[in-house]
Amino acid sequence: MKKCKVLVSVVLTLALAACGSAGEQGPAGPEGKQGPQGLKGDAGSDGQPGSDGEGCYVVKKDADHGIVICPADGSSYVIYSPENLPKSNGLPNGQGGYLYCNAGYFGENCAACTCEHGTCNDGLNGSGECTCAAGYIGKNCDIENLLKYNSKIYKVVQIGEQIWMAENMATDTATDGSAVTCYANTNADPVFVENYGCLYTWADAMKICPTGWRLPEKSDFDDLLTYVENNRTSSSNFLALIAKSTAWTGHQNQGGDDFAFSALPAGRRGVDGNYSLFGTLTGFWSATYNAIGTANTLSISSNNSPTAITGTTDKSLAYSVRCVKQ
């Protein structure tokens, strides 16, 4: 009986030991490795091509349809069979093109017109060329055809890509306000300056062109003569450049004045102070000069074979001046 009680006691003791309180939390385990990268998504679709100008254009949607887009008003709509539309926006035939250009835009890319004072040849088939309003000249119709300088108004004319004064300079004041000498052959014409402008030495000629204008280089005269030769309607460069005037000896009222350059025979003043060649010659200084005391000129002469040529002249002589736009 005593032995049995001991066994029961041992069992109870072991059971109580097994039901003791929980131990402390152990440390965290190491971080797991990064999982594999996911698959790439599908690429986005290309956007529609942008337009270079302003107007309605079409882009190809599929083999049988196109989408007309009008940026000006934000509208768009589907059309059929765009394959025969003109090339535009860098797309080949059949992929798109402008249907029309808004006013003020021209060409297959609907480029903006640049006419400031005039009308533009606009539209899908337009050239963009400007027709100037009265009083304006120039490629962009941005130059007035009259120039006021030192109380005198000078006519201005475009000849090819050049803008020239269409009258001889007639001032006794340089652009810096200093005085220059205006020579006038009043024996030939009492109102010589009014009709023919002044005659200047080369040194003074270099000082008198208004701001934005300059004394032409020989190359400017060369370009002028080339354009006149290629575009004149008169039988010679001489007749194409001279005014229709009784002042030209032997060619009274024969001037064609094809480009409104309106050259008049002002003659020249020599180193000795004497005037000569009135009625038969006009000469214009250039800024191009030589070390030997001469400068290049444009001479328009009715003597012998009437002609318009460039040459060289002593800087001390006095000739006429025409300025060219910078």
C-alpha atoms as a PDB file:
ATOM      1  CA  MET A   1       0.000   0.000   0.000  1.00  0.00           C
ATOM      2  CA  LYS A   2       2.808   2.441   0.768  1.00  0.00           C
ATOM      3  CA  LYS A   3       4.642   1.622  -2.515  1.00  0.00           C
ATOM      4  CA  CYS A   4       1.625   2.580  -4.657  1.00  0.00           C
ATOM      5  CA  LYS A   5       1.386   6.040  -3.080  1.00  0.00           C
ATOM      6  CA  VAL A   6       4.981   6.793  -4.048  1.00  0.00           C
ATOM      7  CA  LEU A   7       4.375   6.033  -7.721  1.00  0.00           C
ATOM      8  CA  VAL A   8       1.348   8.304  -7.845  1.00  0.00           C
ATOM      9  CA  SER A   9       3.361  11.099  -6.290  1.00  0.00           C
ATOM     10  CA  VAL A  10       6.115  10.770  -8.911  1.00  0.00           C
ATOM     11  CA  VAL A  11       3.615  10.886 -11.749  1.00  0.00           C
ATOM     12  CA  LEU A  12       1.971  14.029 -10.405  1.00  0.00           C
ATOM     13  CA  THR A  13       5.335  15.675  -9.978  1.00  0.00           C
ATOM     14  CA  LEU A  14       6.276  14.970 -13.649  1.00  0.00           C
ATOM     15  CA  ALA A  15       2.925  16.228 -14.893  1.00  0.00           C
ATOM     16  CA  LEU A  16       3.266  19.475 -13.007  1.00  0.00           C
ATOM     17  CA  ALA A  17       6.750  19.921 -14.418  1.00  0.00           C
ATOM     18  CA  ALA A  18       5.416  19.422 -17.958  1.00  0.00           C
ATOM     19  CA  CYS A  19       2.815  22.193 -17.505  1.00  0.00           C
ATOM     20  CA  GLY A  20       5.321  24.983 -16.590  1.00  0.00           C
ATOM     21  CA  SER A  21       5.104  28.619 -17.979  1.00  0.00           C
ATOM     22  CA  ALA A  22       6.095  29.479 -21.742  1.00  0.00           C
ATOM     23  CA  GLY A  23       9.673  30.534 -22.491  1.00  0.00           C
ATOM     24  CA  GLU A  24      10.737  33.942 -24.100  1.00  0.00           C
ATOM     25  CA  GLN A  25      10.288  34.702 -27.943  1.00  0.00           C
ATOM     26  CA  GLY A  26      13.303  33.621 -29.959  1.00  0.00           C
ATOM     27  CA  PRO A  27      15.122  36.052 -32.407  1.00  0.00           C
ATOM     28  CA  ALA A  28      13.660  36.733 -35.969  1.00  0.00           C
ATOM     29  CA  GLY A  29      14.891  34.567 -38.781  1.00  0.00           C
ATOM     30  CA  PRO A  30      16.927  36.009 -41.761  1.00  0.00           C
ATOM     31  CA  GLU A  31      15.067  37.966 -44.604  1.00  0.00           C
ATOM     32  CA  GLY A  32      13.953  35.872 -47.544  1.00  0.00           C
ATOM     33  CA  LYS A  33      15.435  36.318 -51.103  1.00  0.00           C
ATOM     34  CA  GLN A  34      13.852  38.659 -53.768  1.00  0.00           C
ATOM     35  CA  GLY A  35      11.318  36.893 -55.949  1.00  0.00           C
ATOM     36  CA  PRO A  36      11.720  36.721 -59.785  1.00  0.00           C
ATOM     37  CA  GLN A  37      10.795  39.879 -61.905  1.00  0.00           C
ATOM     38  CA  GLY A  38       7.306  39.936 -63.398  1.00  0.00           C
ATOM     39  CA  LEU A  39       6.642  39.816 -67.165  1.00  0.00           C
ATOM     40  CA  LYS A  40       6.786  43.102 -69.192  1.00  0.00           C
ATOM     41  CA  GLY A  41       3.500  44.675 -70.189  1.00  0.00           C
ATOM     42  CA  ASP A  42       2.489  45.237 -73.837  1.00  0.00           C
ATOM     43  CA  ALA A  43       4.002  48.297 -75.601  1.00  0.00           C
ATOM     44  CA  GLY A  44       1.712  51.323 -75.978  1.00  0.00           C
ATOM     45  CA  SER A  45       0.430  52.261 -79.439  1.00  0.00           C
ATOM     46  CA  ASP A  46       2.068  55.086 -81.447  1.00  0.00           C
ATOM     47  CA  GLY A  47       0.385  58.473 -81.290  1.00  0.00           C
ATOM     48  CA  GLN A  48      -1.021  60.222 -84.348  1.00  0.00           C
ATOM     49  CA  PRO A  49       1.438  62.359 -86.366  1.00  0.00           C
ATOM     50  CA  GLY A  50       1.473  66.060 -85.550  1.00  0.00           C
ATOM     51  CA  SER A  51       0.664  68.712 -88.138  1.00  0.00           C
ATOM     52  CA  ASP A  52       3.146  71.370 -89.305  1.00  0.00           C
ATOM     53  CA  GLY A  53       0.572  73.996 -90.067  1.00  0.00           C
ATOM     54  CA  GLU A  54      -3.072  74.804 -89.564  1.00  0.00           C
ATOM     55  CA  GLY A  55      -5.871  73.064 -91.426  1.00  0.00           C
ATOM     56  CA  CYS A  56      -7.715  69.754 -91.605  1.00  0.00           C
ATOM     57  CA  TYR A  57      -5.622  66.685 -92.345  1.00  0.00           C
ATOM     58  CA  VAL A  58      -6.223  62.939 -92.473  1.00  0.00           C
ATOM     59  CA  VAL A  59      -4.333  59.990 -91.044  1.00  0.00           C
ATOM     60  CA  LYS A  60      -4.814  56.380 -92.107  1.00  0.00           C
ATOM     61  CA  LYS A  61      -6.824  54.269 -89.678  1.00  0.00           C
ATOM     62  CA  ASP A  62      -6.870  51.005 -91.587  1.00  0.00           C
ATOM     63  CA  ALA A  63      -7.011  49.761 -95.182  1.00  0.00           C
ATOM     64  CA  ASP A  64     -10.466  51.207 -95.769  1.00  0.00           C
ATOM     65  CA  HIS A  65     -10.804  54.140 -93.417  1.00  0.00           C
ATOM     66  CA  GLY A  66      -9.073  57.375 -92.498  1.00  0.00           C
ATOM     67  CA  ILE A  67      -9.595  59.870 -89.685  1.00  0.00           C
ATOM     68  CA  VAL A  68      -9.976  63.566 -90.523  1.00  0.00           C
ATOM     69  CA  ILE A  69      -8.607  65.838 -87.792  1.00  0.00           C
ATOM     70  CA  CYS A  70      -9.238  69.590 -87.638  1.00  0.00           C
ATOM     71  CA  PRO A  71      -7.048  71.154 -84.910  1.00  0.00           C
ATOM     72  CA  ALA A  72      -8.612  74.585 -85.373  1.00  0.00           C
ATOM     73  CA  ASP A  73     -11.983  73.496 -84.016  1.00  0.00           C
ATOM     74  CA  GLY A  74     -11.023  70.192 -82.409  1.00  0.00           C
ATOM     75  CA  SER A  75     -13.298  68.109 -84.636  1.00  0.00           C
ATOM     76  CA  SER A  76     -12.497  64.711 -86.149  1.00  0.00           C
ATOM     77  CA  TYR A  77     -14.477  62.182 -88.156  1.00  0.00           C
ATOM     78  CA  VAL A  78     -13.957  58.981 -90.127  1.00  0.00           C
ATOM     79  CA  ILE A  79     -13.857  58.918 -93.929  1.00  0.00           C
ATOM     80  CA  TYR A  80     -13.506  56.077 -96.425  1.00  0.00           C
ATOM     81  CA  SER A  81     -10.679  55.208 -98.834  1.00  0.00           C
ATOM     82  CA  PRO A  82      -7.852  57.571 -97.802  1.00  0.00           C
ATOM     83  CA  GLU A  83      -5.348  55.814-100.097  1.00  0.00           C
ATOM     84  CA  ASN A  84      -5.313  58.552-102.740  1.00  0.00           C
ATOM     85  CA  LEU A  85      -4.868  61.527-100.426  1.00  0.00           C
ATOM     86  CA  PRO A  86      -1.758  63.698-101.008  1.00  0.00           C
ATOM     87  CA  LYS A  87       1.476  63.166 -99.135  1.00  0.00           C
ATOM     88  CA  SER A  88       1.857  65.265 -95.998  1.00  0.00           C
ATOM     89  CA  ASN A  89       3.261  65.231 -92.454  1.00  0.00           C
ATOM     90  CA  GLY A  90       6.138  63.079 -93.646  1.00  0.00           C
ATOM     91  CA  LEU A  91       3.745  60.228 -94.507  1.00  0.00           C
ATOM     92  CA  PRO A  92       3.892  58.353 -97.819  1.00  0.00           C
ATOM     93  CA  ASN A  93       0.988  58.406-100.240  1.00  0.00           C
ATOM     94  CA  GLY A  94      -2.004  56.582 -98.880  1.00  0.00           C
ATOM     95  CA  GLN A  95      -1.134  57.212 -95.240  1.00  0.00           C
ATOM     96  CA  GLY A  96      -2.380  60.731 -94.910  1.00  0.00           C
ATOM     97  CA  GLY A  97      -2.301  64.373 -95.899  1.00  0.00           C
ATOM     98  CA  TYR A  98      -4.018  67.726 -95.482  1.00  0.00           C
ATOM     99  CA  LEU A  99      -7.493  68.141 -96.933  1.00  0.00           C
ATOM    100  CA  TYR A 100      -7.232  71.955 -96.898  1.00  0.00           C
ATOM    101  CA  CYS A 101      -5.322  74.814 -95.253  1.00  0.00           C
ATOM    102  CA  ASN A 102      -6.936  77.579 -93.254  1.00  0.00           C
ATOM    103  CA  ALA A 103      -6.610  81.163 -94.510  1.00  0.00           C
ATOM    104  CA  GLY A 104      -3.047  82.413 -94.076  1.00  0.00           C
ATOM    105  CA  TYR A 105      -1.484  78.957 -94.531  1.00  0.00           C
ATOM    106  CA  PHE A 106      -0.206  77.315 -97.702  1.00  0.00           C
ATOM    107  CA  GLY A 107       1.301  74.211 -99.277  1.00  0.00           C
ATOM    108  CA  GLU A 108       0.990  70.519 -98.554  1.00  0.00           C
ATOM    109  CA  ASN A 109       2.176  71.087 -94.959  1.00  0.00           C
ATOM    110  CA  CYS A 110      -0.005  74.179 -94.405  1.00  0.00           C
ATOM    111  CA  ALA A 111       2.971  76.420 -93.548  1.00  0.00           C
ATOM    112  CA  ALA A 112       2.215  79.905 -92.211  1.00  0.00           C
ATOM    113  CA  CYS A 113       2.270  82.817 -94.676  1.00  0.00           C
ATOM    114  CA  THR A 114       4.674  85.679 -93.881  1.00  0.00           C
ATOM    115  CA  CYS A 115       2.975  88.647 -95.614  1.00  0.00           C
ATOM    116  CA  GLU A 116       2.867  91.637 -93.264  1.00  0.00           C
ATOM    117  CA  HIS A 117       1.093  94.151 -95.516  1.00  0.00           C
ATOM    118  CA  GLY A 118      -0.506  92.236 -98.363  1.00  0.00           C
ATOM    119  CA  THR A 119      -2.297  89.062 -99.358  1.00  0.00           C
ATOM    120  CA  CYS A 120      -0.835  85.570 -99.435  1.00  0.00           C
ATOM    121  CA  ASN A 121      -1.265  82.962-102.150  1.00  0.00           C
ATOM    122  CA  ASP A 122      -2.546  80.493 -99.563  1.00  0.00           C
ATOM    123  CA  GLY A 123      -4.391  77.180 -99.626  1.00  0.00           C
ATOM    124  CA  LEU A 124      -3.257  73.602-100.128  1.00  0.00           C
ATOM    125  CA  ASN A 125      -1.973  74.402-103.636  1.00  0.00           C
ATOM    126  CA  GLY A 126      -0.774  77.914-102.782  1.00  0.00           C
ATOM    127  CA  SER A 127       2.805  79.135-103.191  1.00  0.00           C
ATOM    128  CA  GLY A 128       2.886  81.446-100.173  1.00  0.00           C
ATOM    129  CA  GLU A 129       3.954  84.397-102.347  1.00  0.00           C
ATOM    130  CA  CYS A 130       2.834  87.826-101.209  1.00  0.00           C
ATOM    131  CA  THR A 131       0.990  90.455-103.217  1.00  0.00           C
ATOM    132  CA  CYS A 132       1.835  93.695-101.435  1.00  0.00           C
ATOM    133  CA  ALA A 133      -0.671  96.342-100.488  1.00  0.00           C
ATOM    134  CA  ALA A 134      -0.182  99.844-101.896  1.00  0.00           C
ATOM    135  CA  GLY A 135       2.843 101.511-100.344  1.00  0.00           C
ATOM    136  CA  TYR A 136       4.777  98.335 -99.493  1.00  0.00           C
ATOM    137  CA  ILE A 137       7.412  96.215-101.219  1.00  0.00           C
ATOM    138  CA  GLY A 138       9.673  93.304-100.326  1.00  0.00           C
ATOM    139  CA  LYS A 139       9.293  89.535-100.200  1.00  0.00           C
ATOM    140  CA  ASN A 140       7.171  89.804 -97.059  1.00  0.00           C
ATOM    141  CA  CYS A 141       5.591  93.177 -97.940  1.00  0.00           C
ATOM    142  CA  ASP A 142       7.338  94.661 -94.912  1.00  0.00           C
ATOM    143  CA  ILE A 143       9.189  97.623 -96.481  1.00  0.00           C
ATOM    144  CA  GLU A 144       7.568 100.965 -97.276  1.00  0.00           C
ATOM    145  CA  ASN A 145       8.203 102.156-100.827  1.00  0.00           C
ATOM    146  CA  LEU A 146       8.879 105.695 -99.657  1.00  0.00           C
ATOM    147  CA  LEU A 147      11.730 106.652 -97.314  1.00  0.00           C
ATOM    148  CA  LYS A 148      11.909 109.999 -95.536  1.00  0.00           C
ATOM    149  CA  TYR A 149      15.462 111.083 -94.729  1.00  0.00           C
ATOM    150  CA  ASN A 150      16.769 114.557 -93.869  1.00  0.00           C
ATOM    151  CA  SER A 151      13.531 116.253 -94.952  1.00  0.00           C
ATOM    152  CA  LYS A 152      13.437 114.542 -98.356  1.00  0.00           C
ATOM    153  CA  ILE A 153      11.274 111.613 -99.424  1.00  0.00           C
ATOM    154  CA  TYR A 154      12.953 108.985-101.626  1.00  0.00           C
ATOM    155  CA  LYS A 155      11.245 106.352-103.738  1.00  0.00           C
ATOM    156  CA  VAL A 156      12.268 102.765-102.987  1.00  0.00           C
ATOM    157  CA  VAL A 157      12.071  99.791-105.360  1.00  0.00           C
ATOM    158  CA  GLN A 158      12.660  96.043-105.195  1.00  0.00           C
ATOM    159  CA  ILE A 159      14.750  94.525-108.003  1.00  0.00           C
ATOM    160  CA  GLY A 160      15.142  90.783-107.595  1.00  0.00           C
ATOM    161  CA  GLU A 161      16.126  90.137-103.983  1.00  0.00           C
ATOM    162  CA  GLN A 162      17.574  93.646-103.563  1.00  0.00           C
ATOM    163  CA  ILE A 163      15.885  96.801-102.284  1.00  0.00           C
ATOM    164  CA  TRP A 164      17.267  99.986-103.896  1.00  0.00           C
ATOM    165  CA  MET A 165      16.633 103.685-103.616  1.00  0.00           C
ATOM    166  CA  ALA A 166      15.010 104.726-106.880  1.00  0.00           C
ATOM    167  CA  GLU A 167      16.342 108.294-106.616  1.00  0.00           C
ATOM    168  CA  ASN A 168      19.796 109.792-106.144  1.00  0.00           C
ATOM    169  CA  MET A 169      20.819 110.940-102.682  1.00  0.00           C
ATOM    170  CA  ALA A 170      20.392 114.675-102.147  1.00  0.00           C
ATOM    171  CA  THR A 171      21.653 115.679 -98.705  1.00  0.00           C
ATOM    172  CA  ASP A 172      24.415 117.841 -97.293  1.00  0.00           C
ATOM    173  CA  THR A 173      24.409 116.077 -93.929  1.00  0.00           C
ATOM    174  CA  ALA A 174      26.095 112.783 -93.017  1.00  0.00           C
ATOM    175  CA  THR A 175      24.374 110.181 -90.868  1.00  0.00           C
ATOM    176  CA  ASP A 176      26.465 111.340 -87.876  1.00  0.00           C
ATOM    177  CA  GLY A 177      25.243 114.929 -88.342  1.00  0.00           C
ATOM    178  CA  SER A 178      28.478 116.264 -89.828  1.00  0.00           C
ATOM    179  CA  ALA A 179      28.496 118.237 -93.072  1.00  0.00           C
ATOM    180  CA  VAL A 180      29.254 116.771 -96.490  1.00  0.00           C
ATOM    181  CA  THR A 181      29.651 118.624 -99.767  1.00  0.00           C
ATOM    182  CA  CYS A 182      26.770 118.411-102.243  1.00  0.00           C
ATOM    183  CA  TYR A 183      28.105 119.295-105.701  1.00  0.00           C
ATOM    184  CA  ALA A 184      25.508 120.476-108.219  1.00  0.00           C
ATOM    185  CA  ASN A 185      25.892 121.287-111.902  1.00  0.00           C
ATOM    186  CA  THR A 186      23.547 124.261-111.857  1.00  0.00           C
ATOM    187  CA  ASN A 187      24.851 125.428-115.227  1.00  0.00           C
ATOM    188  CA  ALA A 188      23.201 122.355-116.756  1.00  0.00           C
ATOM    189  CA  ASP A 189      20.055 122.601-114.658  1.00  0.00           C
ATOM    190  CA  PRO A 190      19.226 125.474-112.251  1.00  0.00           C
ATOM    191  CA  VAL A 191      17.341 122.983-110.063  1.00  0.00           C
ATOM    192  CA  PHE A 192      19.947 120.252-110.459  1.00  0.00           C
ATOM    193  CA  VAL A 193      19.660 118.840-106.919  1.00  0.00           C
ATOM    194  CA  GLU A 194      15.881 118.603-107.109  1.00  0.00           C
ATOM    195  CA  ASN A 195      16.023 116.660-110.381  1.00  0.00           C
ATOM    196  CA  TYR A 196      19.332 114.779-110.174  1.00  0.00           C
ATOM    197  CA  GLY A 197      20.384 114.783-106.540  1.00  0.00           C
ATOM    198  CA  CYS A 198      23.917 115.647-105.454  1.00  0.00           C
ATOM    199  CA  LEU A 199      27.319 114.596-106.747  1.00  0.00           C
ATOM    200  CA  TYR A 200      29.709 113.375-104.016  1.00  0.00           C
ATOM    201  CA  THR A 201      33.335 112.420-103.632  1.00  0.00           C
ATOM    202  CA  TRP A 202      33.827 108.823-102.538  1.00  0.00           C
ATOM    203  CA  ALA A 203      34.741 109.814 -98.977  1.00  0.00           C
ATOM    204  CA  ASP A 204      31.480 111.722 -98.528  1.00  0.00           C
ATOM    205  CA  ALA A 205      29.473 109.025-100.299  1.00  0.00           C
ATOM    206  CA  MET A 206      30.564 106.593 -97.587  1.00  0.00           C
ATOM    207  CA  LYS A 207      28.882 108.740 -94.905  1.00  0.00           C
ATOM    208  CA  ILE A 208      25.400 109.522 -96.179  1.00  0.00           C
ATOM    209  CA  CYS A 209      23.254 106.360 -96.461  1.00  0.00           C
ATOM    210  CA  PRO A 210      20.474 106.288 -93.835  1.00  0.00           C
ATOM    211  CA  THR A 211      20.412 103.819 -90.956  1.00  0.00           C
ATOM    212  CA  GLY A 212      19.403 100.407 -92.295  1.00  0.00           C
ATOM    213  CA  TRP A 213      20.858 101.243 -95.700  1.00  0.00           C
ATOM    214  CA  ARG A 214      24.418 101.214 -97.028  1.00  0.00           C
ATOM    215  CA  LEU A 215      26.574 102.196 -99.963  1.00  0.00           C
ATOM    216  CA  PRO A 216      26.501  99.143-102.253  1.00  0.00           C
ATOM    217  CA  GLU A 217      29.513  96.914-102.818  1.00  0.00           C
ATOM    218  CA  LYS A 218      30.673  96.096-106.347  1.00  0.00           C
ATOM    219  CA  SER A 219      29.068  92.665-105.862  1.00  0.00           C
ATOM    220  CA  ASP A 220      25.697  94.393-105.346  1.00  0.00           C
ATOM    221  CA  PHE A 221      26.063  96.091-108.724  1.00  0.00           C
ATOM    222  CA  ASP A 222      27.083  92.770-110.279  1.00  0.00           C
ATOM    223  CA  ASP A 223      23.954  91.115-108.864  1.00  0.00           C
ATOM    224  CA  LEU A 224      21.814  93.988-110.108  1.00  0.00           C
ATOM    225  CA  LEU A 225      23.192  93.769-113.659  1.00  0.00           C
ATOM    226  CA  THR A 226      22.799  89.975-113.719  1.00  0.00           C
ATOM    227  CA  TYR A 227      19.166  90.209-112.645  1.00  0.00           C
ATOM    228  CA  VAL A 228      18.444  92.977-115.156  1.00  0.00           C
ATOM    229  CA  GLU A 229      20.080  91.028-117.990  1.00  0.00           C
ATOM    230  CA  ASN A 230      18.043  87.911-117.208  1.00  0.00           C
ATOM    231  CA  ASN A 231      14.697  89.640-116.653  1.00  0.00           C
ATOM    232  CA  ARG A 232      14.574  92.794-118.787  1.00  0.00           C
ATOM    233  CA  THR A 233      11.987  93.420-121.464  1.00  0.00           C
ATOM    234  CA  SER A 234      13.948  96.275-123.080  1.00  0.00           C
ATOM    235  CA  SER A 235      16.541  95.472-125.740  1.00  0.00           C
ATOM    236  CA  SER A 236      19.521  96.305-123.475  1.00  0.00           C
ATOM    237  CA  ASN A 237      20.513  96.751-119.838  1.00  0.00           C
ATOM    238  CA  PHE A 238      21.053 100.441-120.600  1.00  0.00           C
ATOM    239  CA  LEU A 239      17.449 101.000-121.699  1.00  0.00           C
ATOM    240  CA  ALA A 240      16.125  98.759-118.906  1.00  0.00           C
ATOM    241  CA  LEU A 241      17.756 100.925-116.214  1.00  0.00           C
ATOM    242  CA  ILE A 242      17.265 104.494-117.507  1.00  0.00           C
ATOM    243  CA  ALA A 243      14.239 106.678-116.915  1.00  0.00           C
ATOM    244  CA  LYS A 244      12.024 107.645-119.814  1.00  0.00           C
ATOM    245  CA  SER A 245      13.294 111.229-119.998  1.00  0.00           C
ATOM    246  CA  THR A 246      14.280 113.907-122.497  1.00  0.00           C
ATOM    247  CA  ALA A 247      17.496 114.406-120.524  1.00  0.00           C
ATOM    248  CA  TRP A 248      19.233 111.418-122.146  1.00  0.00           C
ATOM    249  CA  THR A 249      21.035 112.809-125.204  1.00  0.00           C
ATOM    250  CA  GLY A 250      20.326 110.652-128.221  1.00  0.00           C
ATOM    251  CA  HIS A 251      17.846 108.522-126.289  1.00  0.00           C
ATOM    252  CA  GLN A 252      15.157 111.018-125.390  1.00  0.00           C
ATOM    253  CA  ASN A 253      12.120 109.235-123.980  1.00  0.00           C
ATOM    254  CA  GLN A 254      13.525 105.856-125.036  1.00  0.00           C
ATOM    255  CA  GLY A 255      14.155 104.531-121.569  1.00  0.00           C
ATOM    256  CA  GLY A 256      12.278 101.349-120.775  1.00  0.00           C
ATOM    257  CA  ASP A 257      12.836 101.702-117.021  1.00  0.00           C
ATOM    258  CA  ASP A 258      11.854  98.051-116.702  1.00  0.00           C
ATOM    259  CA  PHE A 259      12.494  97.909-112.944  1.00  0.00           C
ATOM    260  CA  ALA A 260      11.751 101.530-111.924  1.00  0.00           C
ATOM    261  CA  PHE A 261      15.450 102.175-111.199  1.00  0.00           C
ATOM    262  CA  SER A 262      14.970 105.431-113.153  1.00  0.00           C
ATOM    263  CA  ALA A 263      18.594 106.406-113.796  1.00  0.00           C
ATOM    264  CA  LEU A 264      19.089 109.999-115.029  1.00  0.00           C
ATOM    265  CA  PRO A 265      22.226 111.420-116.747  1.00  0.00           C
ATOM    266  CA  ALA A 266      23.605 113.584-113.922  1.00  0.00           C
ATOM    267  CA  GLY A 267      27.154 113.536-115.302  1.00  0.00           C
ATOM    268  CA  ARG A 268      30.138 113.969-112.985  1.00  0.00           C
ATOM    269  CA  ARG A 269      32.468 116.536-111.421  1.00  0.00           C
ATOM    270  CA  GLY A 270      36.186 116.224-112.212  1.00  0.00           C
ATOM    271  CA  VAL A 271      39.169 116.634-109.913  1.00  0.00           C
ATOM    272  CA  ASP A 272      39.666 120.079-111.442  1.00  0.00           C
ATOM    273  CA  GLY A 273      36.182 121.134-110.408  1.00  0.00           C
ATOM    274  CA  ASN A 274      34.713 121.065-113.904  1.00  0.00           C
ATOM    275  CA  TYR A 275      31.477 119.248-114.675  1.00  0.00           C
ATOM    276  CA  SER A 276      31.174 116.940-117.680  1.00  0.00           C
ATOM    277  CA  LEU A 277      29.086 114.243-119.376  1.00  0.00           C
ATOM    278  CA  PHE A 278      25.749 115.717-118.297  1.00  0.00           C
ATOM    279  CA  GLY A 279      23.060 114.191-120.518  1.00  0.00           C
ATOM    280  CA  THR A 280      25.126 111.135-121.479  1.00  0.00           C
ATOM    281  CA  LEU A 281      26.322 109.458-118.259  1.00  0.00           C
ATOM    282  CA  THR A 282      25.462 108.701-114.700  1.00  0.00           C
ATOM    283  CA  GLY A 283      27.833 106.969-112.301  1.00  0.00           C
ATOM    284  CA  PHE A 284      27.173 105.502-108.852  1.00  0.00           C
ATOM    285  CA  TRP A 285      29.798 104.939-106.164  1.00  0.00           C
ATOM    286  CA  SER A 286      30.349 101.571-104.493  1.00  0.00           C
ATOM    287  CA  ALA A 287      32.015 100.956-101.136  1.00  0.00           C
ATOM    288  CA  THR A 288      34.539  98.654-102.829  1.00  0.00           C
ATOM    289  CA  TYR A 289      37.865 100.460-103.237  1.00  0.00           C
ATOM    290  CA  ASN A 290      41.481  99.860-104.245  1.00  0.00           C
ATOM    291  CA  ALA A 291      44.728 100.865-102.564  1.00  0.00           C
ATOM    292  CA  ILE A 292      45.722 103.023-105.533  1.00  0.00           C
ATOM    293  CA  GLY A 293      43.075 105.657-104.780  1.00  0.00           C
ATOM    294  CA  THR A 294      40.206 104.367-106.908  1.00  0.00           C
ATOM    295  CA  ALA A 295      36.848 102.812-106.107  1.00  0.00           C
ATOM    296  CA  ASN A 296      34.416 100.722-108.108  1.00  0.00           C
ATOM    297  CA  THR A 297      31.420 102.370-109.757  1.00  0.00           C
ATOM    298  CA  LEU A 298      28.401 101.477-111.827  1.00  0.00           C
ATOM    299  CA  SER A 299      28.417 103.557-115.012  1.00  0.00           C
ATOM    300  CA  ILE A 300      25.354 103.935-117.238  1.00  0.00           C
ATOM    301  CA  SER A 301      26.325 105.695-120.443  1.00  0.00           C
ATOM    302  CA  SER A 302      24.702 106.582-123.762  1.00  0.00           C
ATOM    303  CA  ASN A 303      28.034 107.352-125.468  1.00  0.00           C
ATOM    304  CA  ASN A 304      29.060 105.163-128.398  1.00  0.00           C
ATOM    305  CA  SER A 305      27.489 101.780-127.497  1.00  0.00           C
ATOM    306  CA  PRO A 306      24.969 102.522-124.720  1.00  0.00           C
ATOM    307  CA  THR A 307      25.779 100.296-121.779  1.00  0.00           C
ATOM    308  CA  ALA A 308      25.624  99.703-118.035  1.00  0.00           C
ATOM    309  CA  ILE A 309      28.905  98.378-116.642  1.00  0.00           C
ATOM    310  CA  THR A 310      31.065  98.384-113.522  1.00  0.00           C
ATOM    311  CA  GLY A 311      34.504  99.978-113.528  1.00  0.00           C
ATOM    312  CA  THR A 312      36.904 101.989-111.352  1.00  0.00           C
ATOM    313  CA  THR A 313      37.071 105.742-110.798  1.00  0.00           C
ATOM    314  CA  ASP A 314      39.364 108.153-108.963  1.00  0.00           C
ATOM    315  CA  LYS A 315      37.918 108.736-105.480  1.00  0.00           C
ATOM    316  CA  SER A 316      38.366 112.502-105.856  1.00  0.00           C
ATOM    317  CA  LEU A 317      35.773 112.745-108.634  1.00  0.00           C
ATOM    318  CA  ALA A 318      32.163 113.402-107.690  1.00  0.00           C
ATOM    319  CA  TYR A 319      29.487 110.889-108.714  1.00  0.00           C
ATOM    320  CA  SER A 320      25.906 110.114-107.738  1.00  0.00           C
ATOM    321  CA  VAL A 321      24.866 107.802-104.891  1.00  0.00           C
ATOM    322  CA  ARG A 322      22.170 105.137-104.639  1.00  0.00           C
ATOM    323  CA  CYS A 323      21.874 103.256-101.345  1.00  0.00           C
ATOM    324  CA  VAL A 324      20.837  99.623-101.005  1.00  0.00           C
ATOM    325  CA  LYS A 325      18.871  98.127 -98.100  1.00  0.00           C
ATOM    326  CA  GLN A 326      20.902  96.132 -95.614  1.00  0.00           C
END
